[in-house]
N, C-alpha and C. Protein backbone atom coordinates (compact mmCIF):
# COMPACT_ATOMS: atom_id res chain seq x y z
N UNK A 1 -22.68 16.50 -2.94
CA UNK A 1 -22.88 15.91 -2.04
C UNK A 1 -24.26 14.10 -2.94
N UNK A 2 -23.89 13.71 -2.34
CA UNK A 2 -24.60 12.24 -2.55
C UNK A 2 -25.47 12.38 -2.48
N UNK A 3 -26.68 12.37 -3.94
CA UNK A 3 -28.06 11.90 -3.87
C UNK A 3 -28.47 10.77 -3.31
N UNK A 4 -29.97 10.73 -2.99
CA UNK A 4 -30.15 9.32 -2.20
C UNK A 4 -29.95 8.05 -3.19
N UNK A 5 -30.10 8.09 -4.73
CA UNK A 5 -30.10 7.18 -5.58
C UNK A 5 -28.84 6.92 -5.90
N UNK A 6 -27.61 7.67 -5.30
CA UNK A 6 -26.12 7.00 -5.12
C UNK A 6 -25.93 6.31 -4.34
N UNK A 7 -26.42 7.16 -2.60
CA UNK A 7 -26.27 5.90 -1.81
C UNK A 7 -26.37 4.39 -1.71
N UNK A 8 -25.97 3.67 -1.28
CA UNK A 8 -26.26 1.97 -1.18
C UNK A 8 -26.09 1.87 -0.02
N UNK A 9 -26.85 0.94 0.36
CA UNK A 9 -26.89 0.56 2.12
C UNK A 9 -25.62 -0.93 1.88
N UNK A 10 -25.37 -0.97 3.16
CA UNK A 10 -24.34 -2.12 3.09
C UNK A 10 -24.23 -3.21 2.56
N UNK A 11 -25.76 -3.92 3.25
CA UNK A 11 -25.93 -5.21 2.85
C UNK A 11 -25.67 -5.61 1.02
N UNK A 12 -26.64 -4.56 0.17
CA UNK A 12 -26.50 -4.88 -1.37
C UNK A 12 -24.95 -5.38 -1.81
N UNK A 13 -23.89 -4.33 -0.70
CA UNK A 13 -23.15 -4.44 -1.36
C UNK A 13 -21.94 -6.04 -0.93
N UNK A 14 -22.46 -6.56 -0.61
CA UNK A 14 -22.20 -7.82 0.45
C UNK A 14 -22.68 -9.30 -0.26
N UNK A 15 -23.22 -8.70 -1.40
CA UNK A 15 -24.02 -10.24 -2.00
C UNK A 15 -23.06 -10.76 -3.22
N UNK A 16 -22.87 -12.02 -3.08
CA UNK A 16 -21.95 -12.46 -4.44
C UNK A 16 -22.50 -13.61 -5.01
N UNK A 17 -23.04 -13.34 -6.29
CA UNK A 17 -23.67 -14.09 -7.21
C UNK A 17 -25.11 -13.54 -6.21
N UNK A 18 -25.78 -15.45 -6.31
CA UNK A 18 -27.43 -15.63 -5.46
C UNK A 18 -27.17 -15.54 -4.21
N UNK A 19 -25.81 -15.50 -3.23
CA UNK A 19 -25.98 -16.12 -2.29
C UNK A 19 -25.67 -14.36 -1.41
N UNK A 20 -25.53 -14.74 0.28
CA UNK A 20 -25.04 -13.80 1.19
C UNK A 20 -23.86 -13.77 1.76
N UNK A 21 -23.07 -12.99 1.79
CA UNK A 21 -21.93 -13.64 2.83
C UNK A 21 -22.82 -13.66 4.25
N UNK A 22 -22.08 -14.50 4.83
CA UNK A 22 -22.68 -15.21 6.09
C UNK A 22 -22.36 -13.84 7.51
N UNK A 23 -23.24 -13.63 8.29
CA UNK A 23 -23.24 -12.60 9.30
C UNK A 23 -21.43 -13.01 9.91
N UNK A 24 -20.84 -13.84 10.17
CA UNK A 24 -19.73 -13.93 10.77
C UNK A 24 -18.91 -12.58 9.74
N UNK A 25 -18.92 -12.96 8.15
CA UNK A 25 -18.12 -12.47 7.70
C UNK A 25 -18.37 -11.00 7.81
N UNK A 26 -19.70 -10.73 7.88
CA UNK A 26 -20.17 -9.24 7.76
C UNK A 26 -19.32 -8.36 9.45
N UNK A 27 -19.36 -9.24 10.13
CA UNK A 27 -18.79 -8.68 11.81
C UNK A 27 -17.26 -8.89 11.60
N UNK A 28 -16.53 -9.98 10.76
CA UNK A 28 -14.90 -9.65 10.36
C UNK A 28 -14.55 -8.60 10.00
N UNK A 29 -15.35 -8.02 8.82
CA UNK A 29 -14.67 -7.26 7.63
C UNK A 29 -15.24 -5.36 8.44
N UNK A 30 -16.32 -5.67 8.54
CA UNK A 30 -16.98 -4.42 9.95
C UNK A 30 -15.38 -4.39 10.62
N UNK A 31 -15.15 -5.51 11.65
CA UNK A 31 -14.47 -5.14 12.84
C UNK A 31 -12.98 -4.51 12.04
N UNK A 32 -12.44 -5.51 10.88
CA UNK A 32 -11.06 -5.18 10.12
C UNK A 32 -11.12 -3.51 9.59
N UNK A 33 -12.49 -2.85 9.16
CA UNK A 33 -12.40 -1.59 8.30
C UNK A 33 -12.27 -0.39 9.26
N UNK A 34 -12.69 -0.88 10.36
CA UNK A 34 -13.32 0.33 12.14
C UNK A 34 -11.60 0.09 12.36
N UNK A 35 -10.91 -1.21 12.62
CA UNK A 35 -9.95 -0.95 13.58
C UNK A 35 -8.94 -0.39 12.22
N UNK A 36 -8.63 -0.09 11.00
CA UNK A 36 -8.20 0.08 10.30
C UNK A 36 -8.30 1.41 9.85
N UNK A 37 -9.01 2.18 10.12
CA UNK A 37 -9.97 3.40 10.53
C UNK A 37 -9.25 4.40 11.29
N UNK A 38 -8.28 4.25 11.88
CA UNK A 38 -7.86 4.96 12.76
C UNK A 38 -6.10 5.65 12.35
N UNK A 39 -5.79 6.74 12.23
CA UNK A 39 -4.02 6.73 11.98
C UNK A 39 -2.98 5.71 12.40
N UNK A 40 -3.15 6.11 13.62
CA UNK A 40 -2.22 5.35 14.32
C UNK A 40 -2.03 4.00 14.29
N UNK A 41 -3.47 3.49 14.20
CA UNK A 41 -3.63 1.81 14.00
C UNK A 41 -2.90 1.46 12.93
N UNK A 42 -3.24 2.51 11.64
CA UNK A 42 -2.58 2.17 10.29
C UNK A 42 -1.10 2.33 10.33
N UNK A 43 -0.46 2.90 11.47
CA UNK A 43 0.54 3.43 11.63
C UNK A 43 1.60 1.86 11.93
N UNK A 44 0.64 1.68 12.85
CA UNK A 44 1.20 0.20 13.32
C UNK A 44 1.23 -0.97 12.49
N UNK A 45 -0.16 -0.92 11.73
CA UNK A 45 0.21 -1.94 10.77
C UNK A 45 1.30 -1.92 9.65
N UNK A 46 1.80 -0.44 9.22
CA UNK A 46 3.20 -0.23 8.59
C UNK A 46 3.75 -0.89 9.06
N UNK A 47 4.42 -0.20 10.45
CA UNK A 47 5.79 -0.80 11.15
C UNK A 47 5.25 -1.93 11.41
N UNK A 48 4.57 -3.43 11.30
CA UNK A 48 4.48 -4.55 11.56
C UNK A 48 4.81 -5.19 9.79
N UNK A 49 4.65 -4.92 9.04
CA UNK A 49 4.85 -5.22 7.79
C UNK A 49 5.75 -6.27 7.31
N UNK A 50 7.21 -5.31 8.42
CA UNK A 50 8.70 -6.18 8.15
C UNK A 50 8.65 -7.00 8.92
N UNK A 51 8.45 -6.89 9.81
CA UNK A 51 8.88 -7.64 11.48
C UNK A 51 8.08 -7.60 12.48
N UNK A 52 8.06 -9.01 13.30
CA UNK A 52 7.22 -8.39 14.73
C UNK A 52 7.93 -7.71 15.50
N UNK A 53 7.03 -6.81 16.48
CA UNK A 53 7.59 -5.53 17.37
C UNK A 53 6.97 -5.87 18.71
N UNK A 54 8.12 -5.26 19.71
CA UNK A 54 7.31 -5.11 20.64
C UNK A 54 6.19 -4.01 21.37
N UNK A 55 5.69 -3.93 22.20
CA UNK A 55 4.75 -2.50 22.76
C UNK A 55 6.57 -1.03 22.80
N UNK A 56 6.93 -1.96 23.22
CA UNK A 56 7.69 -0.88 23.82
C UNK A 56 8.77 -0.36 22.56
N UNK A 57 9.00 -1.08 21.38
CA UNK A 57 9.43 -0.71 20.28
C UNK A 57 8.63 0.01 19.34
N UNK A 58 7.22 -0.31 19.53
CA UNK A 58 5.90 0.27 18.65
C UNK A 58 6.51 2.01 19.26
N UNK A 59 6.36 1.78 21.17
CA UNK A 59 6.06 3.04 21.29
C UNK A 59 7.36 4.19 20.98
N UNK A 60 8.07 3.59 20.78
CA UNK A 60 9.54 4.41 19.98
C UNK A 60 9.35 4.96 19.23
N UNK A 61 8.61 4.19 18.28
CA UNK A 61 8.91 4.44 16.57
C UNK A 61 7.85 5.27 16.51
N UNK A 62 6.66 4.86 17.41
CA UNK A 62 5.47 6.06 17.10
C UNK A 62 5.26 7.04 17.40
N UNK A 63 6.28 7.17 18.90
CA UNK A 63 6.45 8.47 19.81
C UNK A 63 4.85 8.53 20.70
N UNK A 64 4.91 7.45 21.02
CA UNK A 64 3.29 7.39 22.08
C UNK A 64 3.41 6.61 23.19
N UNK A 65 2.71 7.12 24.17
CA UNK A 65 2.84 6.55 25.81
C UNK A 65 2.37 5.31 25.64
N UNK A 66 2.87 4.29 26.22
CA UNK A 66 2.38 2.72 26.22
C UNK A 66 0.87 2.67 26.25
N UNK A 67 0.45 3.19 27.19
CA UNK A 67 -1.54 2.80 27.66
C UNK A 67 -1.94 3.25 26.29
N UNK A 68 -1.90 3.75 25.58
CA UNK A 68 -2.00 4.74 24.05
C UNK A 68 -1.74 2.74 23.24
N UNK A 69 -0.84 3.00 23.04
CA UNK A 69 -0.52 1.87 22.04
C UNK A 69 -0.90 0.46 22.63
N UNK A 70 -1.26 0.32 23.79
CA UNK A 70 -2.02 -0.50 23.89
C UNK A 70 -2.98 -0.72 23.88
N UNK A 71 -3.99 0.04 23.91
CA UNK A 71 -5.13 0.16 24.15
C UNK A 71 -5.46 -0.27 22.09
N UNK A 72 -4.60 0.44 21.39
CA UNK A 72 -4.75 0.36 19.96
C UNK A 72 -4.45 -1.20 19.42
N UNK A 73 -3.27 -1.68 20.46
CA UNK A 73 -2.86 -2.74 19.86
C UNK A 73 -4.50 -3.65 20.22
N UNK A 74 -4.83 -3.54 21.23
CA UNK A 74 -5.97 -4.36 21.41
C UNK A 74 -7.12 -4.78 20.93
N UNK A 75 -7.62 -2.92 20.05
CA UNK A 75 -8.29 -2.92 19.09
C UNK A 75 -7.85 -4.14 17.87
N UNK A 76 -6.78 -4.07 17.39
CA UNK A 76 -6.29 -4.66 16.01
C UNK A 76 -6.28 -6.43 16.39
N UNK A 77 -6.13 -6.55 17.58
CA UNK A 77 -5.65 -7.94 18.43
C UNK A 77 -7.34 -8.14 17.81
N UNK A 78 -8.90 -7.95 18.25
CA UNK A 78 -9.51 -8.19 18.95
C UNK A 78 -10.36 -8.29 16.96
N UNK A 79 -9.76 -7.35 15.86
CA UNK A 79 -10.24 -7.57 14.53
C UNK A 79 -9.74 -8.91 14.20
N UNK A 80 -8.99 -9.37 14.95
CA UNK A 80 -7.91 -10.43 14.13
C UNK A 80 -7.00 -10.14 13.66
N UNK A 81 -6.59 -8.70 13.57
CA UNK A 81 -5.30 -8.32 12.43
C UNK A 81 -3.85 -8.43 12.61
N UNK A 82 -3.70 -8.34 13.79
CA UNK A 82 -2.46 -8.96 14.55
C UNK A 82 -2.54 -9.78 15.25
N UNK A 83 -1.39 -10.45 15.67
CA UNK A 83 -1.20 -11.74 16.50
C UNK A 83 -0.23 -11.26 17.78
N UNK A 84 0.01 -11.51 18.75
CA UNK A 84 0.59 -11.55 19.91
C UNK A 84 1.81 -12.98 19.81
N UNK A 85 2.94 -12.91 20.47
CA UNK A 85 3.92 -13.91 20.80
C UNK A 85 4.57 -13.79 22.24
N UNK A 86 4.59 -14.51 23.15
CA UNK A 86 4.43 -13.94 24.49
C UNK A 86 6.45 -15.14 24.09
N UNK A 87 7.02 -13.81 24.98
CA UNK A 87 8.45 -14.54 25.15
C UNK A 87 9.15 -13.69 26.23
N UNK A 88 9.04 -14.79 27.21
CA UNK A 88 9.57 -14.05 28.71
C UNK A 88 8.60 -13.06 29.24
N UNK A 89 8.89 -12.03 29.33
CA UNK A 89 7.51 -11.12 29.73
C UNK A 89 7.28 -9.68 28.74
N UNK A 90 7.38 -10.33 27.50
CA UNK A 90 7.64 -9.50 26.44
C UNK A 90 6.72 -10.16 25.27
N UNK A 91 5.50 -9.18 24.93
CA UNK A 91 4.58 -9.76 23.84
C UNK A 91 5.09 -8.78 22.63
N UNK A 92 5.23 -9.85 21.28
CA UNK A 92 6.03 -9.66 20.31
C UNK A 92 4.60 -9.58 19.33
N UNK A 93 4.57 -8.51 18.53
CA UNK A 93 3.17 -8.59 17.47
C UNK A 93 3.50 -8.73 16.42
N UNK A 94 2.93 -9.20 15.58
CA UNK A 94 3.05 -9.12 13.80
C UNK A 94 1.63 -9.29 13.30
N UNK A 95 1.74 -9.26 12.01
CA UNK A 95 0.24 -9.15 11.55
C UNK A 95 0.06 -10.36 10.59
N UNK A 96 -1.07 -11.13 11.16
CA UNK A 96 -2.04 -12.04 11.22
C UNK A 96 -2.35 -11.60 9.51
N UNK A 97 -2.05 -12.21 8.63
CA UNK A 97 -1.91 -12.31 7.11
C UNK A 97 -3.13 -13.38 6.54
N UNK A 98 -3.23 -14.39 7.10
CA UNK A 98 -4.76 -15.04 6.41
C UNK A 98 -5.55 -13.32 6.38
N UNK A 99 -5.90 -12.95 7.84
CA UNK A 99 -6.66 -11.93 7.57
C UNK A 99 -6.79 -11.03 6.63
N UNK A 100 -5.76 -10.22 6.99
CA UNK A 100 -5.57 -9.49 5.60
C UNK A 100 -5.96 -10.16 4.24
N UNK A 101 -6.03 -11.70 3.97
CA UNK A 101 -5.86 -11.43 2.78
C UNK A 101 -7.60 -11.66 2.43
N UNK A 102 -8.64 -11.98 3.57
CA UNK A 102 -9.87 -12.43 3.81
C UNK A 102 -10.48 -10.87 3.59
N UNK A 103 -9.38 -10.02 3.98
CA UNK A 103 -10.40 -8.27 3.77
C UNK A 103 -10.13 -8.03 2.29
N UNK A 104 -8.40 -8.39 1.84
CA UNK A 104 -7.91 -7.88 0.44
C UNK A 104 -9.01 -9.08 -0.66
N UNK A 105 -9.71 -10.23 0.23
CA UNK A 105 -10.84 -11.25 -0.74
C UNK A 105 -11.67 -10.16 -1.34
N UNK A 106 -12.54 -10.02 -0.31
CA UNK A 106 -13.33 -9.14 0.00
C UNK A 106 -13.52 -7.90 -1.01
N UNK A 107 -12.33 -7.01 -1.31
CA UNK A 107 -12.54 -6.31 -2.05
C UNK A 107 -11.92 -6.08 -3.35
N UNK A 108 -11.13 -7.38 -3.11
CA UNK A 108 -11.20 -8.20 -5.05
C UNK A 108 -12.93 -8.42 -5.60
N UNK A 109 -13.39 -9.41 -4.80
CA UNK A 109 -14.95 -9.68 -5.26
C UNK A 109 -15.62 -8.59 -5.39
N UNK A 110 -15.57 -7.44 -4.20
CA UNK A 110 -16.54 -6.47 -4.75
C UNK A 110 -15.85 -5.65 -6.36
N UNK A 111 -14.72 -5.01 -6.20
CA UNK A 111 -14.39 -4.72 -7.49
C UNK A 111 -14.81 -5.92 -9.03
N UNK A 112 -14.39 -6.67 -8.63
CA UNK A 112 -14.99 -7.58 -9.74
C UNK A 112 -16.27 -8.31 -10.14
N UNK A 113 -16.73 -8.06 -8.81
CA UNK A 113 -18.42 -8.50 -9.22
C UNK A 113 -19.62 -7.46 -9.12
N UNK A 114 -19.28 -6.22 -8.84
CA UNK A 114 -19.87 -5.37 -8.51
C UNK A 114 -19.83 -4.50 -9.92
N UNK A 115 -20.97 -3.52 -10.32
CA UNK A 115 -21.16 -2.93 -11.40
C UNK A 115 -20.78 -1.64 -10.41
N UNK A 116 -19.52 -1.21 -11.22
CA UNK A 116 -18.99 0.09 -10.68
C UNK A 116 -19.34 1.33 -12.00
N UNK A 117 -19.47 2.28 -11.46
CA UNK A 117 -19.59 3.13 -12.34
C UNK A 117 -18.39 4.77 -11.89
N UNK A 118 -17.44 4.98 -13.67
CA UNK A 118 -16.91 5.86 -12.90
C UNK A 118 -17.39 7.10 -12.58
N UNK A 119 -17.01 7.88 -11.62
CA UNK A 119 -17.07 8.98 -10.78
C UNK A 119 -17.08 9.72 -12.36
N UNK A 120 -18.88 10.72 -12.07
CA UNK A 120 -19.16 11.50 -12.67
C UNK A 120 -19.88 11.37 -13.77
N UNK A 121 -19.90 9.78 -14.00
CA UNK A 121 -20.64 9.38 -15.65
C UNK A 121 -22.16 8.99 -15.37
N UNK A 122 -22.42 9.42 -14.15
CA UNK A 122 -24.09 9.48 -13.71
C UNK A 122 -24.89 10.55 -14.48
N UNK A 123 -23.84 11.86 -13.93
CA UNK A 123 -24.26 12.81 -14.64
C UNK A 123 -23.65 13.37 -15.77
N UNK A 124 -22.72 12.86 -16.33
CA UNK A 124 -22.67 13.45 -17.74
C UNK A 124 -21.90 14.36 -17.23
N UNK A 125 -20.89 14.35 -16.14
CA UNK A 125 -19.81 15.16 -16.13
C UNK A 125 -19.15 14.77 -16.56
N UNK A 126 -17.50 15.14 -16.88
CA UNK A 126 -16.32 14.56 -16.81
C UNK A 126 -15.69 13.80 -15.80
N UNK A 127 -14.82 12.83 -15.99
CA UNK A 127 -14.69 11.70 -14.28
C UNK A 127 -13.41 12.37 -13.57
């Protein structure tokens, strides 16, 4: 169990140097992490790593109904993690790489600029 001293609110984690992240950065990060927290959406992202796919191809690969994949694609689109391209009556989806780069940059900054304590070192236990 995590005690109160080990819990940190979200805001301090978003500090960078003397400044703070802008509210739109915070909303983008929250949206991206929320979108990626669902296993089917994460599987969808994995499928889109190599090439763009249409809804039918995603349905076949994931063995889910079109309505279900459409809902999850909407969440990924709202988080701007994927983009759609209309070709005739089909929409082909691909990763929005610059958005993933922004999330990656946040995580890299968190690792570089935040004092991280190895697990177990606060109580003197083994890591």
